[in-house]
């Protein structure tokens, strides 16, 4: 029976597909770390109190990138070049989700509107990351090779999502509510389309590596399109709601030191 668990188990068991999976994940996390690091360095004076939390977010993403690279080293594998059509982070930036990299490379301070936009974009993408990691945690949290990595990253992604909720609510109360709702909706509708395209690309690359049949590729593609249809109709709404999280000040303080994987 084809399921998320059996599909990922197949990817995990094969060196070539595992290498591609970890390479894609490591590149995306490292890119996210750079983006958050630059935003933390460029926050305007009116939002200086957010800088340590944004920096913490970036440090977590950098850590995740190192974790995926370490998982490769444990199996004696080296990262491969990430196919452009699987680069979720860069495709988001290209379609206007997140602050433009040209702006982040400059040395001019960001505006308060930039910070509102950044947090709204992050709330959408962190919803996706939290859900994906919870799925992996459910099926592979106890796995002898990847379980510890999955548990650590899932915990961090839940923290990131909680932080976005709390900070956006604070900004909504201070008068940014309409902007936040507009950016959330635009971001959610764009993200679900990009996620569909990236999922199709990743499965196509995995299918070639693992030698899947045309029938199986067609079945997986149909499943991805079905998820997109549901998200386009109603599922996107889960990405735009805001509620005060149980985890308050989830990114307060410096990032805890984590023992790196060997």
C-alpha atoms as a PDB file:
ATOM      1  CA  UNK A   1       0.000   0.000   0.000  1.00  0.00           C
ATOM      2  CA  UNK A   2       1.326   3.449  -0.962  1.00  0.00           C
ATOM      3  CA  UNK A   3       1.487   5.765   2.053  1.00  0.00           C
ATOM      4  CA  UNK A   4       3.588   8.665   3.296  1.00  0.00           C
ATOM      5  CA  UNK A   5       5.400   6.282   5.634  1.00  0.00           C
ATOM      6  CA  UNK A   6       6.174   3.651   2.995  1.00  0.00           C
ATOM      7  CA  UNK A   7       7.217   6.320   0.502  1.00  0.00           C
ATOM      8  CA  UNK A   8       9.660   7.984   2.874  1.00  0.00           C
ATOM      9  CA  UNK A   9      10.924   4.595   4.054  1.00  0.00           C
ATOM     10  CA  UNK A  10      11.820   3.776   0.463  1.00  0.00           C
ATOM     11  CA  UNK A  11      13.663   7.079   0.090  1.00  0.00           C
ATOM     12  CA  UNK A  12      15.428   6.535   3.408  1.00  0.00           C
ATOM     13  CA  UNK A  13      16.597   3.021   2.530  1.00  0.00           C
ATOM     14  CA  UNK A  14      18.275   3.953  -0.754  1.00  0.00           C
ATOM     15  CA  UNK A  15      21.560   5.874  -0.629  1.00  0.00           C
ATOM     16  CA  UNK A  16      20.960   7.852  -3.832  1.00  0.00           C
ATOM     17  CA  UNK A  17      17.443   9.003  -2.924  1.00  0.00           C
ATOM     18  CA  UNK A  18      18.433   9.714   0.689  1.00  0.00           C
ATOM     19  CA  UNK A  19      21.358  11.769  -0.603  1.00  0.00           C
ATOM     20  CA  UNK A  20      19.039  13.837  -2.788  1.00  0.00           C
ATOM     21  CA  UNK A  21      16.470  14.284  -0.017  1.00  0.00           C
ATOM     22  CA  UNK A  22      19.034  15.483   2.543  1.00  0.00           C
ATOM     23  CA  UNK A  23      20.759  17.730   0.014  1.00  0.00           C
ATOM     24  CA  UNK A  24      17.483  19.479  -0.844  1.00  0.00           C
ATOM     25  CA  UNK A  25      16.591  19.841   2.836  1.00  0.00           C
ATOM     26  CA  UNK A  26      20.042  21.089   3.874  1.00  0.00           C
ATOM     27  CA  UNK A  27      20.140  23.714   1.121  1.00  0.00           C
ATOM     28  CA  UNK A  28      16.707  25.059   2.007  1.00  0.00           C
ATOM     29  CA  UNK A  29      17.470  25.269   5.720  1.00  0.00           C
ATOM     30  CA  UNK A  30      20.812  26.979   5.139  1.00  0.00           C
ATOM     31  CA  UNK A  31      19.166  29.515   2.839  1.00  0.00           C
ATOM     32  CA  UNK A  32      16.556  30.206   5.502  1.00  0.00           C
ATOM     33  CA  UNK A  33      19.321  30.701   8.043  1.00  0.00           C
ATOM     34  CA  UNK A  34      21.011  33.301   5.855  1.00  0.00           C
ATOM     35  CA  UNK A  35      17.760  35.161   5.222  1.00  0.00           C
ATOM     36  CA  UNK A  36      16.864  35.373   8.905  1.00  0.00           C
ATOM     37  CA  UNK A  37      20.396  36.400   9.800  1.00  0.00           C
ATOM     38  CA  UNK A  38      20.280  39.287   7.347  1.00  0.00           C
ATOM     39  CA  UNK A  39      16.831  40.386   8.523  1.00  0.00           C
ATOM     40  CA  UNK A  40      18.046  40.370  12.131  1.00  0.00           C
ATOM     41  CA  UNK A  41      20.960  42.605  11.133  1.00  0.00           C
ATOM     42  CA  UNK A  42      18.729  45.042   9.240  1.00  0.00           C
ATOM     43  CA  UNK A  43      15.693  45.446  11.518  1.00  0.00           C
ATOM     44  CA  UNK A  44      14.602  49.082  11.929  1.00  0.00           C
ATOM     45  CA  UNK A  45      14.941  50.874  15.231  1.00  0.00           C
ATOM     46  CA  UNK A  46      11.205  50.485  15.868  1.00  0.00           C
ATOM     47  CA  UNK A  47      11.582  46.691  15.853  1.00  0.00           C
ATOM     48  CA  UNK A  48      14.972  46.237  17.528  1.00  0.00           C
ATOM     49  CA  UNK A  49      13.368  44.098  20.220  1.00  0.00           C
ATOM     50  CA  UNK A  50      12.646  41.468  17.565  1.00  0.00           C
ATOM     51  CA  UNK A  51      16.253  41.169  16.391  1.00  0.00           C
ATOM     52  CA  UNK A  52      17.335  38.489  18.927  1.00  0.00           C
ATOM     53  CA  UNK A  53      14.315  36.325  18.059  1.00  0.00           C
ATOM     54  CA  UNK A  54      14.887  36.645  14.325  1.00  0.00           C
ATOM     55  CA  UNK A  55      18.564  35.799  14.881  1.00  0.00           C
ATOM     56  CA  UNK A  56      17.521  32.776  16.947  1.00  0.00           C
ATOM     57  CA  UNK A  57      15.252  31.672  14.118  1.00  0.00           C
ATOM     58  CA  UNK A  58      18.159  31.930  11.698  1.00  0.00           C
ATOM     59  CA  UNK A  59      20.464  30.004  14.046  1.00  0.00           C
ATOM     60  CA  UNK A  60      17.911  27.205  14.233  1.00  0.00           C
ATOM     61  CA  UNK A  61      17.681  27.006  10.440  1.00  0.00           C
ATOM     62  CA  UNK A  62      21.471  26.892  10.145  1.00  0.00           C
ATOM     63  CA  UNK A  63      21.489  24.082  12.708  1.00  0.00           C
ATOM     64  CA  UNK A  64      18.941  22.129  10.690  1.00  0.00           C
ATOM     65  CA  UNK A  65      21.114  22.451   7.598  1.00  0.00           C
ATOM     66  CA  UNK A  66      24.072  21.045   9.527  1.00  0.00           C
ATOM     67  CA  UNK A  67      21.924  18.191  10.824  1.00  0.00           C
ATOM     68  CA  UNK A  68      20.969  17.082   7.316  1.00  0.00           C
ATOM     69  CA  UNK A  69      24.602  17.328   6.219  1.00  0.00           C
ATOM     70  CA  UNK A  70      25.615  15.237   9.238  1.00  0.00           C
ATOM     71  CA  UNK A  71      23.043  12.579   8.355  1.00  0.00           C
ATOM     72  CA  UNK A  72      24.733  12.305   4.978  1.00  0.00           C
ATOM     73  CA  UNK A  73      28.175  11.989   6.562  1.00  0.00           C
ATOM     74  CA  UNK A  74      26.945   9.194   8.830  1.00  0.00           C
ATOM     75  CA  UNK A  75      26.215   7.156   5.688  1.00  0.00           C
ATOM     76  CA  UNK A  76      29.428   8.161   3.961  1.00  0.00           C
ATOM     77  CA  UNK A  77      27.591  10.353   1.465  1.00  0.00           C
ATOM     78  CA  UNK A  78      28.271  13.832   0.131  1.00  0.00           C
ATOM     79  CA  UNK A  79      25.653  16.437  -0.826  1.00  0.00           C
ATOM     80  CA  UNK A  80      24.581  16.678  -4.454  1.00  0.00           C
ATOM     81  CA  UNK A  81      23.606  19.772  -6.397  1.00  0.00           C
ATOM     82  CA  UNK A  82      19.995  20.697  -5.761  1.00  0.00           C
ATOM     83  CA  UNK A  83      17.867  20.631  -8.932  1.00  0.00           C
ATOM     84  CA  UNK A  84      16.468  24.160  -9.464  1.00  0.00           C
ATOM     85  CA  UNK A  85      12.878  22.925  -9.740  1.00  0.00           C
ATOM     86  CA  UNK A  86      13.103  21.441  -6.225  1.00  0.00           C
ATOM     87  CA  UNK A  87      14.493  24.585  -4.566  1.00  0.00           C
ATOM     88  CA  UNK A  88      11.441  25.593  -2.505  1.00  0.00           C
ATOM     89  CA  UNK A  89      13.124  28.525  -0.764  1.00  0.00           C
ATOM     90  CA  UNK A  90      14.448  30.140  -3.931  1.00  0.00           C
ATOM     91  CA  UNK A  91      11.176  29.599  -5.794  1.00  0.00           C
ATOM     92  CA  UNK A  92       9.308  31.306  -2.963  1.00  0.00           C
ATOM     93  CA  UNK A  93      11.659  34.301  -3.185  1.00  0.00           C
ATOM     94  CA  UNK A  94      11.299  34.422  -6.962  1.00  0.00           C
ATOM     95  CA  UNK A  95       7.513  34.587  -6.603  1.00  0.00           C
ATOM     96  CA  UNK A  96       7.627  37.360  -4.003  1.00  0.00           C
ATOM     97  CA  UNK A  97       7.258  35.259  -0.867  1.00  0.00           C
ATOM     98  CA  UNK A  98       9.745  36.628   1.621  1.00  0.00           C
ATOM     99  CA  UNK A  99      11.858  39.728   1.368  1.00  0.00           C
ATOM    100  CA  UNK A 100      13.793  40.153  -1.865  1.00  0.00           C
ATOM    101  CA  UNK A 101      17.406  39.025  -1.633  1.00  0.00           C
ATOM    102  CA  UNK A 102      18.596  42.262  -3.234  1.00  0.00           C
ATOM    103  CA  UNK A 103      17.083  44.097  -0.279  1.00  0.00           C
ATOM    104  CA  UNK A 104      18.707  41.709   2.198  1.00  0.00           C
ATOM    105  CA  UNK A 105      22.144  42.082   0.601  1.00  0.00           C
ATOM    106  CA  UNK A 106      22.013  45.861   0.927  1.00  0.00           C
ATOM    107  CA  UNK A 107      23.096  47.637   4.099  1.00  0.00           C
ATOM    108  CA  UNK A 108      20.002  49.830   4.386  1.00  0.00           C
ATOM    109  CA  UNK A 109      17.702  49.203   7.356  1.00  0.00           C
ATOM    110  CA  UNK A 110      14.404  47.494   6.641  1.00  0.00           C
ATOM    111  CA  UNK A 111      11.099  49.213   7.324  1.00  0.00           C
ATOM    112  CA  UNK A 112       8.454  48.207   9.839  1.00  0.00           C
ATOM    113  CA  UNK A 113       6.263  47.155   6.888  1.00  0.00           C
ATOM    114  CA  UNK A 114       9.104  44.860   5.757  1.00  0.00           C
ATOM    115  CA  UNK A 115       9.092  43.190   9.180  1.00  0.00           C
ATOM    116  CA  UNK A 116       5.308  42.753   9.057  1.00  0.00           C
ATOM    117  CA  UNK A 117       5.637  41.191   5.604  1.00  0.00           C
ATOM    118  CA  UNK A 118       8.498  38.929   6.727  1.00  0.00           C
ATOM    119  CA  UNK A 119       6.528  37.629   9.712  1.00  0.00           C
ATOM    120  CA  UNK A 120       3.393  37.034   7.636  1.00  0.00           C
ATOM    121  CA  UNK A 121       5.372  35.105   5.033  1.00  0.00           C
ATOM    122  CA  UNK A 122       7.081  33.118   7.782  1.00  0.00           C
ATOM    123  CA  UNK A 123       3.763  32.258   9.431  1.00  0.00           C
ATOM    124  CA  UNK A 124       2.680  30.588   6.156  1.00  0.00           C
ATOM    125  CA  UNK A 125       5.915  28.699   5.450  1.00  0.00           C
ATOM    126  CA  UNK A 126       6.383  27.642   9.068  1.00  0.00           C
ATOM    127  CA  UNK A 127       2.893  26.119   9.002  1.00  0.00           C
ATOM    128  CA  UNK A 128       4.086  23.893   6.172  1.00  0.00           C
ATOM    129  CA  UNK A 129       7.365  23.052   7.903  1.00  0.00           C
ATOM    130  CA  UNK A 130       5.661  22.224  11.198  1.00  0.00           C
ATOM    131  CA  UNK A 131       3.133  19.932   9.505  1.00  0.00           C
ATOM    132  CA  UNK A 132       5.780  18.112   7.488  1.00  0.00           C
ATOM    133  CA  UNK A 133       7.974  17.523  10.503  1.00  0.00           C
ATOM    134  CA  UNK A 134       5.048  16.328  12.614  1.00  0.00           C
ATOM    135  CA  UNK A 135       4.284  13.778   9.907  1.00  0.00           C
ATOM    136  CA  UNK A 136       7.892  12.564   9.974  1.00  0.00           C
ATOM    137  CA  UNK A 137       7.855  12.597  13.771  1.00  0.00           C
ATOM    138  CA  UNK A 138       4.761  10.371  13.813  1.00  0.00           C
ATOM    139  CA  UNK A 139       6.320   7.761  11.560  1.00  0.00           C
ATOM    140  CA  UNK A 140      10.067   8.081  12.209  1.00  0.00           C
ATOM    141  CA  UNK A 141      10.508   9.723  15.608  1.00  0.00           C
ATOM    142  CA  UNK A 142      11.844   6.444  16.963  1.00  0.00           C
ATOM    143  CA  UNK A 143      13.998   5.554  13.949  1.00  0.00           C
ATOM    144  CA  UNK A 144      17.559   4.633  14.983  1.00  0.00           C
ATOM    145  CA  UNK A 145      19.208   6.764  12.287  1.00  0.00           C
ATOM    146  CA  UNK A 146      16.985   9.797  11.719  1.00  0.00           C
ATOM    147  CA  UNK A 147      14.745   9.806  14.809  1.00  0.00           C
ATOM    148  CA  UNK A 148      16.805  12.227  16.870  1.00  0.00           C
ATOM    149  CA  UNK A 149      17.101  14.664  13.974  1.00  0.00           C
ATOM    150  CA  UNK A 150      13.372  14.523  13.318  1.00  0.00           C
ATOM    151  CA  UNK A 151      12.519  15.145  16.977  1.00  0.00           C
ATOM    152  CA  UNK A 152      14.880  18.117  17.255  1.00  0.00           C
ATOM    153  CA  UNK A 153      13.799  19.785  14.018  1.00  0.00           C
ATOM    154  CA  UNK A 154      10.087  19.214  14.690  1.00  0.00           C
ATOM    155  CA  UNK A 155      10.408  20.892  18.089  1.00  0.00           C
ATOM    156  CA  UNK A 156      12.158  23.885  16.519  1.00  0.00           C
ATOM    157  CA  UNK A 157       9.586  24.255  13.733  1.00  0.00           C
ATOM    158  CA  UNK A 158       6.763  24.289  16.267  1.00  0.00           C
ATOM    159  CA  UNK A 159       8.640  27.048  18.121  1.00  0.00           C
ATOM    160  CA  UNK A 160       9.020  29.041  14.922  1.00  0.00           C
ATOM    161  CA  UNK A 161       5.315  28.793  14.173  1.00  0.00           C
ATOM    162  CA  UNK A 162       4.386  29.839  17.712  1.00  0.00           C
ATOM    163  CA  UNK A 163       6.721  32.837  17.490  1.00  0.00           C
ATOM    164  CA  UNK A 164       5.114  33.973  14.221  1.00  0.00           C
ATOM    165  CA  UNK A 165       1.614  33.758  15.712  1.00  0.00           C
ATOM    166  CA  UNK A 166       2.579  35.724  18.820  1.00  0.00           C
ATOM    167  CA  UNK A 167       4.478  38.488  17.030  1.00  0.00           C
ATOM    168  CA  UNK A 168       1.835  38.918  14.317  1.00  0.00           C
ATOM    169  CA  UNK A 169      -0.903  39.235  16.934  1.00  0.00           C
ATOM    170  CA  UNK A 170       1.157  41.883  18.711  1.00  0.00           C
ATOM    171  CA  UNK A 171       1.575  43.785  15.447  1.00  0.00           C
ATOM    172  CA  UNK A 172      -2.134  43.392  14.629  1.00  0.00           C
ATOM    173  CA  UNK A 173      -3.043  44.951  17.958  1.00  0.00           C
ATOM    174  CA  UNK A 174      -0.737  47.876  17.152  1.00  0.00           C
ATOM    175  CA  UNK A 175      -2.566  48.688  13.916  1.00  0.00           C
ATOM    176  CA  UNK A 176      -1.171  46.361  11.217  1.00  0.00           C
ATOM    177  CA  UNK A 177      -4.122  43.954  11.147  1.00  0.00           C
ATOM    178  CA  UNK A 178      -5.379  44.645   7.620  1.00  0.00           C
ATOM    179  CA  UNK A 179      -1.904  44.459   6.110  1.00  0.00           C
ATOM    180  CA  UNK A 180      -1.215  41.209   7.935  1.00  0.00           C
ATOM    181  CA  UNK A 181      -4.414  39.559   6.697  1.00  0.00           C
ATOM    182  CA  UNK A 182      -3.792  40.693   3.116  1.00  0.00           C
ATOM    183  CA  UNK A 183      -0.203  39.428   3.071  1.00  0.00           C
ATOM    184  CA  UNK A 184      -1.172  36.173   4.772  1.00  0.00           C
ATOM    185  CA  UNK A 185      -3.811  35.409   2.144  1.00  0.00           C
ATOM    186  CA  UNK A 186      -1.559  36.326  -0.787  1.00  0.00           C
ATOM    187  CA  UNK A 187       1.301  34.303   0.657  1.00  0.00           C
ATOM    188  CA  UNK A 188      -0.820  31.242   1.404  1.00  0.00           C
ATOM    189  CA  UNK A 189      -2.280  31.067  -2.103  1.00  0.00           C
ATOM    190  CA  UNK A 190       1.177  31.463  -3.661  1.00  0.00           C
ATOM    191  CA  UNK A 191       2.803  28.967  -1.274  1.00  0.00           C
ATOM    192  CA  UNK A 192       0.360  26.140  -1.955  1.00  0.00           C
ATOM    193  CA  UNK A 193       0.995  26.507  -5.693  1.00  0.00           C
ATOM    194  CA  UNK A 194       4.764  26.488  -5.254  1.00  0.00           C
ATOM    195  CA  UNK A 195       4.561  23.571  -2.830  1.00  0.00           C
ATOM    196  CA  UNK A 196       2.589  21.606  -5.436  1.00  0.00           C
ATOM    197  CA  UNK A 197       5.154  22.340  -8.144  1.00  0.00           C
ATOM    198  CA  UNK A 198       8.109  21.483  -5.903  1.00  0.00           C
ATOM    199  CA  UNK A 199       6.418  18.276  -4.711  1.00  0.00           C
ATOM    200  CA  UNK A 200       5.856  17.188  -8.305  1.00  0.00           C
ATOM    201  CA  UNK A 201       9.490  17.956  -9.146  1.00  0.00           C
ATOM    202  CA  UNK A 202      10.878  16.127  -6.093  1.00  0.00           C
ATOM    203  CA  UNK A 203       8.762  13.040  -6.803  1.00  0.00           C
ATOM    204  CA  UNK A 204       9.841  13.076 -10.463  1.00  0.00           C
ATOM    205  CA  UNK A 205      13.514  13.162  -9.463  1.00  0.00           C
ATOM    206  CA  UNK A 206      12.976  10.463  -6.827  1.00  0.00           C
ATOM    207  CA  UNK A 207      11.123   8.342  -9.369  1.00  0.00           C
ATOM    208  CA  UNK A 208      14.083   8.442 -11.725  1.00  0.00           C
ATOM    209  CA  UNK A 209      16.532   7.602  -8.939  1.00  0.00           C
ATOM    210  CA  UNK A 210      14.431   4.733  -7.595  1.00  0.00           C
ATOM    211  CA  UNK A 211      13.173   3.445 -10.931  1.00  0.00           C
ATOM    212  CA  UNK A 212       9.479   3.898 -10.250  1.00  0.00           C
ATOM    213  CA  UNK A 213       7.009   2.760 -12.875  1.00  0.00           C
ATOM    214  CA  UNK A 214       5.024   5.204 -14.979  1.00  0.00           C
ATOM    215  CA  UNK A 215       1.870   4.047 -13.213  1.00  0.00           C
ATOM    216  CA  UNK A 216       3.333   4.827  -9.799  1.00  0.00           C
ATOM    217  CA  UNK A 217       4.567   8.236 -10.934  1.00  0.00           C
ATOM    218  CA  UNK A 218       1.096   8.992 -12.278  1.00  0.00           C
ATOM    219  CA  UNK A 219      -0.542   7.905  -9.011  1.00  0.00           C
ATOM    220  CA  UNK A 220       1.788  10.083  -6.913  1.00  0.00           C
ATOM    221  CA  UNK A 221       1.257  13.078  -9.190  1.00  0.00           C
ATOM    222  CA  UNK A 222      -2.507  12.626  -8.920  1.00  0.00           C
ATOM    223  CA  UNK A 223      -2.218  12.610  -5.136  1.00  0.00           C
ATOM    224  CA  UNK A 224      -0.202  15.839  -5.157  1.00  0.00           C
ATOM    225  CA  UNK A 225      -2.749  17.507  -7.428  1.00  0.00           C
ATOM    226  CA  UNK A 226      -5.561  16.322  -5.140  1.00  0.00           C
ATOM    227  CA  UNK A 227      -3.862  17.889  -2.116  1.00  0.00           C
ATOM    228  CA  UNK A 228      -3.444  21.125  -4.049  1.00  0.00           C
ATOM    229  CA  UNK A 229      -7.124  21.128  -5.055  1.00  0.00           C
ATOM    230  CA  UNK A 230      -8.138  20.783  -1.390  1.00  0.00           C
ATOM    231  CA  UNK A 231      -5.687  23.478  -0.302  1.00  0.00           C
ATOM    232  CA  UNK A 232      -6.837  25.823  -3.060  1.00  0.00           C
ATOM    233  CA  UNK A 233     -10.468  25.351  -2.061  1.00  0.00           C
ATOM    234  CA  UNK A 234     -10.315  25.461   1.739  1.00  0.00           C
ATOM    235  CA  UNK A 235      -6.996  24.240   3.132  1.00  0.00           C
ATOM    236  CA  UNK A 236      -5.193  27.567   2.673  1.00  0.00           C
ATOM    237  CA  UNK A 237      -7.334  29.036   5.442  1.00  0.00           C
ATOM    238  CA  UNK A 238      -5.369  27.164   8.114  1.00  0.00           C
ATOM    239  CA  UNK A 239      -2.341  29.226   7.070  1.00  0.00           C
ATOM    240  CA  UNK A 240      -3.936  32.625   7.638  1.00  0.00           C
ATOM    241  CA  UNK A 241      -5.589  32.300  11.042  1.00  0.00           C
ATOM    242  CA  UNK A 242      -3.851  33.729  14.092  1.00  0.00           C
ATOM    243  CA  UNK A 243      -4.214  32.558  17.677  1.00  0.00           C
ATOM    244  CA  UNK A 244      -2.139  33.051  20.774  1.00  0.00           C
ATOM    245  CA  UNK A 245       0.108  29.960  21.069  1.00  0.00           C
ATOM    246  CA  UNK A 246       0.571  27.815  24.146  1.00  0.00           C
ATOM    247  CA  UNK A 247       4.328  28.286  23.731  1.00  0.00           C
ATOM    248  CA  UNK A 248       4.847  31.938  24.637  1.00  0.00           C
ATOM    249  CA  UNK A 249       8.147  33.674  23.833  1.00  0.00           C
ATOM    250  CA  UNK A 250       9.176  30.500  22.006  1.00  0.00           C
ATOM    251  CA  UNK A 251      12.334  32.091  20.591  1.00  0.00           C
ATOM    252  CA  UNK A 252      13.303  34.128  23.631  1.00  0.00           C
ATOM    253  CA  UNK A 253      16.929  33.852  24.665  1.00  0.00           C
ATOM    254  CA  UNK A 254      19.875  32.482  22.710  1.00  0.00           C
ATOM    255  CA  UNK A 255      19.621  29.277  20.712  1.00  0.00           C
ATOM    256  CA  UNK A 256      20.455  26.298  22.945  1.00  0.00           C
ATOM    257  CA  UNK A 257      23.644  24.469  22.124  1.00  0.00           C
ATOM    258  CA  UNK A 258      22.919  21.226  20.342  1.00  0.00           C
ATOM    259  CA  UNK A 259      25.337  18.333  20.132  1.00  0.00           C
ATOM    260  CA  UNK A 260      26.110  18.030  16.453  1.00  0.00           C
ATOM    261  CA  UNK A 261      25.577  14.725  14.692  1.00  0.00           C
ATOM    262  CA  UNK A 262      28.752  12.776  14.000  1.00  0.00           C
END
